[in-house]
Amino acid sequence: MELKQAMAARHSVRAYAAKQLDEAALDAILRAGCAGPVGMGRYENLHITVVQDAGKIAQISKATQKVTGSEDDPLYGPPAYILLSAKAEVDAGISFVNAAGVMQNMALAAAEQGAGSVIIWASSQGIEQDAQLKAALGIPAGYKAVLGASFGYPAQDDGSLKDMGMTISVNRV
């Protein structure tokens, strides 16, 4: 799949098949993330946590519900959840920018692999507010949860592609 096709295929998936990502797909997703743009090339300021344990994903969902106030599953029942954490002493702004670039690379790689994703910022807030959960996820000391996303194969995939037209207003100076 070419990049333009992956960009058109990538969309937020809110229902997942009860099938774990295969290792080759997960490896491609993680490698794409590790190739993401990071300020000054300081990859050592980021950490990726892959959660495939259903019980831990349920805990993340509950922590996210506390942040959002929603009773529905805010993670949408994924077989995998990926969290990006950043060194706490690094400027929060660059941490979010770095995490967004890395996560977008992973989301595009997922689309290329026939998988889907949905980025859920509130999930990182839920994890950050639950010290026991944060410890259970093995987030290194001195790192802060910044951005999370659900990953898996869509429960239904109609094969639709996004219009690659100009959907955001643009001015040129």
C-alpha atoms as a PDB file:
ATOM      1  CA  MET A   1       0.000   0.000   0.000  1.00  0.00           C
ATOM      2  CA  GLU A   2       1.356   3.410  -0.902  1.00  0.00           C
ATOM      3  CA  LEU A   3       1.473   6.219   1.649  1.00  0.00           C
ATOM      4  CA  LYS A   4      -1.349   8.178   0.011  1.00  0.00           C
ATOM      5  CA  GLN A   5      -3.591   5.101   0.095  1.00  0.00           C
ATOM      6  CA  ALA A   6      -2.719   4.453   3.772  1.00  0.00           C
ATOM      7  CA  MET A   7      -3.589   8.074   4.588  1.00  0.00           C
ATOM      8  CA  ALA A   8      -6.933   7.718   2.793  1.00  0.00           C
ATOM      9  CA  ALA A   9      -7.639   4.364   4.506  1.00  0.00           C
ATOM     10  CA  ARG A  10      -6.715   5.524   8.018  1.00  0.00           C
ATOM     11  CA  HIS A  11      -9.738   6.440  10.111  1.00  0.00           C
ATOM     12  CA  SER A  12     -10.801   6.127  13.727  1.00  0.00           C
ATOM     13  CA  VAL A  13     -11.982   2.579  14.432  1.00  0.00           C
ATOM     14  CA  ARG A  14     -14.554   2.284  17.193  1.00  0.00           C
ATOM     15  CA  ALA A  15     -15.296  -1.460  17.070  1.00  0.00           C
ATOM     16  CA  TYR A  16     -12.684  -4.204  16.890  1.00  0.00           C
ATOM     17  CA  ALA A  17     -12.728  -7.872  15.934  1.00  0.00           C
ATOM     18  CA  ALA A  18     -11.895 -10.282  18.741  1.00  0.00           C
ATOM     19  CA  LYS A  19      -8.573 -11.123  17.104  1.00  0.00           C
ATOM     20  CA  GLN A  20      -5.161 -10.068  18.352  1.00  0.00           C
ATOM     21  CA  LEU A  21      -2.831  -8.240  15.977  1.00  0.00           C
ATOM     22  CA  ASP A  22      -0.429 -10.694  14.408  1.00  0.00           C
ATOM     23  CA  GLU A  23       3.216 -10.242  15.333  1.00  0.00           C
ATOM     24  CA  ALA A  24       4.262  -9.044  11.874  1.00  0.00           C
ATOM     25  CA  ALA A  25       1.606  -6.302  11.904  1.00  0.00           C
ATOM     26  CA  LEU A  26       2.481  -5.223  15.448  1.00  0.00           C
ATOM     27  CA  ASP A  27       6.185  -5.178  14.562  1.00  0.00           C
ATOM     28  CA  ALA A  28       5.478  -2.984  11.512  1.00  0.00           C
ATOM     29  CA  ILE A  29       3.385  -0.621  13.651  1.00  0.00           C
ATOM     30  CA  LEU A  30       6.076  -0.306  16.319  1.00  0.00           C
ATOM     31  CA  ARG A  31       8.874   0.155  13.778  1.00  0.00           C
ATOM     32  CA  ALA A  32       6.870   2.923  12.097  1.00  0.00           C
ATOM     33  CA  GLY A  33       6.463   4.601  15.474  1.00  0.00           C
ATOM     34  CA  CYS A  34      10.182   4.361  16.155  1.00  0.00           C
ATOM     35  CA  ALA A  35      10.785   6.109  12.822  1.00  0.00           C
ATOM     36  CA  GLY A  36       8.432   8.956  13.765  1.00  0.00           C
ATOM     37  CA  PRO A  37       9.621  12.545  13.915  1.00  0.00           C
ATOM     38  CA  VAL A  38      11.019  13.458  17.328  1.00  0.00           C
ATOM     39  CA  GLY A  39      12.376  16.879  18.270  1.00  0.00           C
ATOM     40  CA  MET A  40      16.164  17.035  18.029  1.00  0.00           C
ATOM     41  CA  GLY A  41      16.166  13.264  17.449  1.00  0.00           C
ATOM     42  CA  ARG A  42      15.872  12.643  21.202  1.00  0.00           C
ATOM     43  CA  TYR A  43      14.147   9.267  21.009  1.00  0.00           C
ATOM     44  CA  GLU A  44      15.477   8.463  24.477  1.00  0.00           C
ATOM     45  CA  ASN A  45      12.882  10.893  25.872  1.00  0.00           C
ATOM     46  CA  LEU A  46      10.025   8.609  24.773  1.00  0.00           C
ATOM     47  CA  HIS A  47       8.826   5.176  25.848  1.00  0.00           C
ATOM     48  CA  ILE A  48       6.277   2.888  24.161  1.00  0.00           C
ATOM     49  CA  THR A  49       4.106   0.520  26.199  1.00  0.00           C
ATOM     50  CA  VAL A  50       2.172  -2.173  24.323  1.00  0.00           C
ATOM     51  CA  VAL A  51      -0.754  -3.609  26.281  1.00  0.00           C
ATOM     52  CA  GLN A  52      -2.378  -6.799  24.981  1.00  0.00           C
ATOM     53  CA  ASP A  53      -3.625  -8.179  28.297  1.00  0.00           C
ATOM     54  CA  ALA A  54      -7.435  -7.851  28.334  1.00  0.00           C
ATOM     55  CA  GLY A  55      -7.521  -7.225  32.093  1.00  0.00           C
ATOM     56  CA  LYS A  56      -5.053  -4.351  31.852  1.00  0.00           C
ATOM     57  CA  ILE A  57      -6.942  -2.882  28.887  1.00  0.00           C
ATOM     58  CA  ALA A  58     -10.124  -3.008  31.006  1.00  0.00           C
ATOM     59  CA  GLN A  59      -8.292  -1.132  33.788  1.00  0.00           C
ATOM     60  CA  ILE A  60      -7.172   1.525  31.304  1.00  0.00           C
ATOM     61  CA  SER A  61     -10.762   1.814  30.094  1.00  0.00           C
ATOM     62  CA  LYS A  62     -12.037   2.327  33.666  1.00  0.00           C
ATOM     63  CA  ALA A  63      -9.360   4.952  34.355  1.00  0.00           C
ATOM     64  CA  THR A  64     -10.335   6.722  31.137  1.00  0.00           C
ATOM     65  CA  GLN A  65     -14.018   6.618  32.110  1.00  0.00           C
ATOM     66  CA  LYS A  66     -13.126   8.548  35.272  1.00  0.00           C
ATOM     67  CA  VAL A  67     -11.578  11.284  33.125  1.00  0.00           C
ATOM     68  CA  THR A  68     -14.318  11.425  30.485  1.00  0.00           C
ATOM     69  CA  GLY A  69     -17.329  10.718  32.690  1.00  0.00           C
ATOM     70  CA  SER A  70     -18.549   8.247  30.069  1.00  0.00           C
ATOM     71  CA  GLU A  71     -20.056   4.904  31.008  1.00  0.00           C
ATOM     72  CA  ASP A  72     -19.294   3.443  27.570  1.00  0.00           C
ATOM     73  CA  ASP A  73     -15.952   1.808  26.825  1.00  0.00           C
ATOM     74  CA  PRO A  74     -13.818   4.775  25.776  1.00  0.00           C
ATOM     75  CA  LEU A  75     -11.219   2.422  24.243  1.00  0.00           C
ATOM     76  CA  TYR A  76     -13.818   0.613  22.091  1.00  0.00           C
ATOM     77  CA  GLY A  77     -12.785  -2.929  23.050  1.00  0.00           C
ATOM     78  CA  PRO A  78      -9.430  -3.225  21.301  1.00  0.00           C
ATOM     79  CA  PRO A  79      -7.174  -6.282  21.432  1.00  0.00           C
ATOM     80  CA  ALA A  80      -4.175  -3.949  21.776  1.00  0.00           C
ATOM     81  CA  TYR A  81      -3.537  -0.547  23.309  1.00  0.00           C
ATOM     82  CA  ILE A  82      -0.353   1.456  22.804  1.00  0.00           C
ATOM     83  CA  LEU A  83       0.752   4.206  25.172  1.00  0.00           C
ATOM     84  CA  LEU A  84       3.429   6.795  24.553  1.00  0.00           C
ATOM     85  CA  SER A  85       5.154   8.209  27.607  1.00  0.00           C
ATOM     86  CA  ALA A  86       7.732  10.983  27.773  1.00  0.00           C
ATOM     87  CA  LYS A  87      10.351  11.998  30.286  1.00  0.00           C
ATOM     88  CA  ALA A  88       8.550  14.246  32.743  1.00  0.00           C
ATOM     89  CA  GLU A  89      11.256  16.901  32.849  1.00  0.00           C
ATOM     90  CA  VAL A  90      11.041  17.517  29.092  1.00  0.00           C
ATOM     91  CA  ASP A  91       8.835  20.438  28.015  1.00  0.00           C
ATOM     92  CA  ALA A  92       5.254  19.147  27.824  1.00  0.00           C
ATOM     93  CA  GLY A  93       4.645  20.887  24.507  1.00  0.00           C
ATOM     94  CA  ILE A  94       7.414  19.047  22.684  1.00  0.00           C
ATOM     95  CA  SER A  95       6.378  15.795  24.384  1.00  0.00           C
ATOM     96  CA  PHE A  96       2.885  16.103  22.902  1.00  0.00           C
ATOM     97  CA  VAL A  97       4.230  17.036  19.470  1.00  0.00           C
ATOM     98  CA  ASN A  98       6.650  14.097  19.531  1.00  0.00           C
ATOM     99  CA  ALA A  99       3.947  11.691  20.693  1.00  0.00           C
ATOM    100  CA  ALA A 100       1.549  12.897  17.989  1.00  0.00           C
ATOM    101  CA  GLY A 101       4.120  12.353  15.235  1.00  0.00           C
ATOM    102  CA  VAL A 102       5.042   8.895  16.509  1.00  0.00           C
ATOM    103  CA  MET A 103       1.386   7.893  16.983  1.00  0.00           C
ATOM    104  CA  GLN A 104       0.389   9.092  13.517  1.00  0.00           C
ATOM    105  CA  ASN A 105       3.162   6.967  12.022  1.00  0.00           C
ATOM    106  CA  MET A 106       1.824   3.961  13.947  1.00  0.00           C
ATOM    107  CA  ALA A 107      -1.762   4.658  12.863  1.00  0.00           C
ATOM    108  CA  LEU A 108      -0.687   4.852   9.212  1.00  0.00           C
ATOM    109  CA  ALA A 109       1.283   1.628   9.555  1.00  0.00           C
ATOM    110  CA  ALA A 110      -1.769  -0.038  11.086  1.00  0.00           C
ATOM    111  CA  ALA A 111      -3.865   1.021   8.080  1.00  0.00           C
ATOM    112  CA  GLU A 112      -1.184  -0.369   5.778  1.00  0.00           C
ATOM    113  CA  GLN A 113      -1.374  -3.692   7.671  1.00  0.00           C
ATOM    114  CA  GLY A 114      -5.171  -3.890   7.353  1.00  0.00           C
ATOM    115  CA  ALA A 115      -5.616  -2.936  11.002  1.00  0.00           C
ATOM    116  CA  GLY A 116      -7.194   0.127  12.520  1.00  0.00           C
ATOM    117  CA  SER A 117      -6.730   2.512  15.392  1.00  0.00           C
ATOM    118  CA  VAL A 118      -8.263   5.344  17.324  1.00  0.00           C
ATOM    119  CA  ILE A 119      -6.187   7.864  19.235  1.00  0.00           C
ATOM    120  CA  ILE A 120      -7.576   8.571  22.711  1.00  0.00           C
ATOM    121  CA  TRP A 121      -5.814  11.369  24.549  1.00  0.00           C
ATOM    122  CA  ALA A 122      -7.974  10.995  27.668  1.00  0.00           C
ATOM    123  CA  SER A 123      -6.649   7.474  28.184  1.00  0.00           C
ATOM    124  CA  SER A 124      -3.185   8.804  28.955  1.00  0.00           C
ATOM    125  CA  GLN A 125      -4.721  11.208  31.463  1.00  0.00           C
ATOM    126  CA  GLY A 126      -6.539   8.327  33.145  1.00  0.00           C
ATOM    127  CA  ILE A 127      -3.325   6.329  33.402  1.00  0.00           C
ATOM    128  CA  GLU A 128      -1.400   9.320  34.700  1.00  0.00           C
ATOM    129  CA  GLN A 129      -3.988   9.837  37.468  1.00  0.00           C
ATOM    130  CA  ASP A 130      -3.827   6.190  38.611  1.00  0.00           C
ATOM    131  CA  ALA A 131      -0.412   5.492  40.173  1.00  0.00           C
ATOM    132  CA  GLN A 132      -1.130   1.775  40.671  1.00  0.00           C
ATOM    133  CA  LEU A 133      -2.161   1.328  37.039  1.00  0.00           C
ATOM    134  CA  LYS A 134       0.834   3.311  35.837  1.00  0.00           C
ATOM    135  CA  ALA A 135       3.129   1.051  37.868  1.00  0.00           C
ATOM    136  CA  ALA A 136       1.332  -2.096  36.646  1.00  0.00           C
ATOM    137  CA  LEU A 137       1.949  -1.004  33.063  1.00  0.00           C
ATOM    138  CA  GLY A 138       5.669  -0.754  33.711  1.00  0.00           C
ATOM    139  CA  ILE A 139       6.016   2.877  32.715  1.00  0.00           C
ATOM    140  CA  PRO A 140       9.576   3.837  33.634  1.00  0.00           C
ATOM    141  CA  ALA A 141      10.167   6.102  36.621  1.00  0.00           C
ATOM    142  CA  GLY A 142      10.379   9.730  35.579  1.00  0.00           C
ATOM    143  CA  TYR A 143       8.095   9.279  32.553  1.00  0.00           C
ATOM    144  CA  LYS A 144       4.620  10.739  32.115  1.00  0.00           C
ATOM    145  CA  ALA A 145       1.821   9.119  30.078  1.00  0.00           C
ATOM    146  CA  VAL A 146       1.230  11.443  27.108  1.00  0.00           C
ATOM    147  CA  LEU A 147      -0.882   9.789  24.396  1.00  0.00           C
ATOM    148  CA  GLY A 148      -2.608   6.455  23.902  1.00  0.00           C
ATOM    149  CA  ALA A 149      -4.447   4.638  21.145  1.00  0.00           C
ATOM    150  CA  SER A 150      -6.423   1.464  20.574  1.00  0.00           C
ATOM    151  CA  PHE A 151      -5.253  -0.867  17.808  1.00  0.00           C
ATOM    152  CA  GLY A 152      -6.738  -3.945  16.192  1.00  0.00           C
ATOM    153  CA  TYR A 153      -8.552  -5.320  13.189  1.00  0.00           C
ATOM    154  CA  PRO A 154     -11.845  -3.497  12.547  1.00  0.00           C
ATOM    155  CA  ALA A 155     -14.988  -5.446  13.387  1.00  0.00           C
ATOM    156  CA  GLN A 156     -16.337  -4.215  10.062  1.00  0.00           C
ATOM    157  CA  ASP A 157     -14.340  -2.676   7.264  1.00  0.00           C
ATOM    158  CA  ASP A 158     -16.245  -1.284   4.323  1.00  0.00           C
ATOM    159  CA  GLY A 159     -13.012  -0.446   2.513  1.00  0.00           C
ATOM    160  CA  SER A 160     -13.984   3.190   2.188  1.00  0.00           C
ATOM    161  CA  LEU A 161     -11.252   5.744   1.640  1.00  0.00           C
ATOM    162  CA  LYS A 162     -11.198   9.356   2.782  1.00  0.00           C
ATOM    163  CA  ASP A 163     -11.479  12.113   0.237  1.00  0.00           C
ATOM    164  CA  MET A 164      -7.992  13.553  -0.078  1.00  0.00           C
ATOM    165  CA  GLY A 165      -9.405  16.978  -0.921  1.00  0.00           C
ATOM    166  CA  MET A 166      -8.874  20.226   0.938  1.00  0.00           C
ATOM    167  CA  THR A 167     -11.019  19.789   4.069  1.00  0.00           C
ATOM    168  CA  ILE A 168      -9.210  22.347   6.246  1.00  0.00           C
ATOM    169  CA  SER A 169      -9.255  26.051   5.489  1.00  0.00           C
ATOM    170  CA  VAL A 170      -5.947  27.302   4.128  1.00  0.00           C
ATOM    171  CA  ASN A 171      -4.551  30.735   3.550  1.00  0.00           C
ATOM    172  CA  ARG A 172      -1.305  31.469   1.764  1.00  0.00           C
ATOM    173  CA  VAL A 173       0.729  34.504   2.610  1.00  0.00           C
END
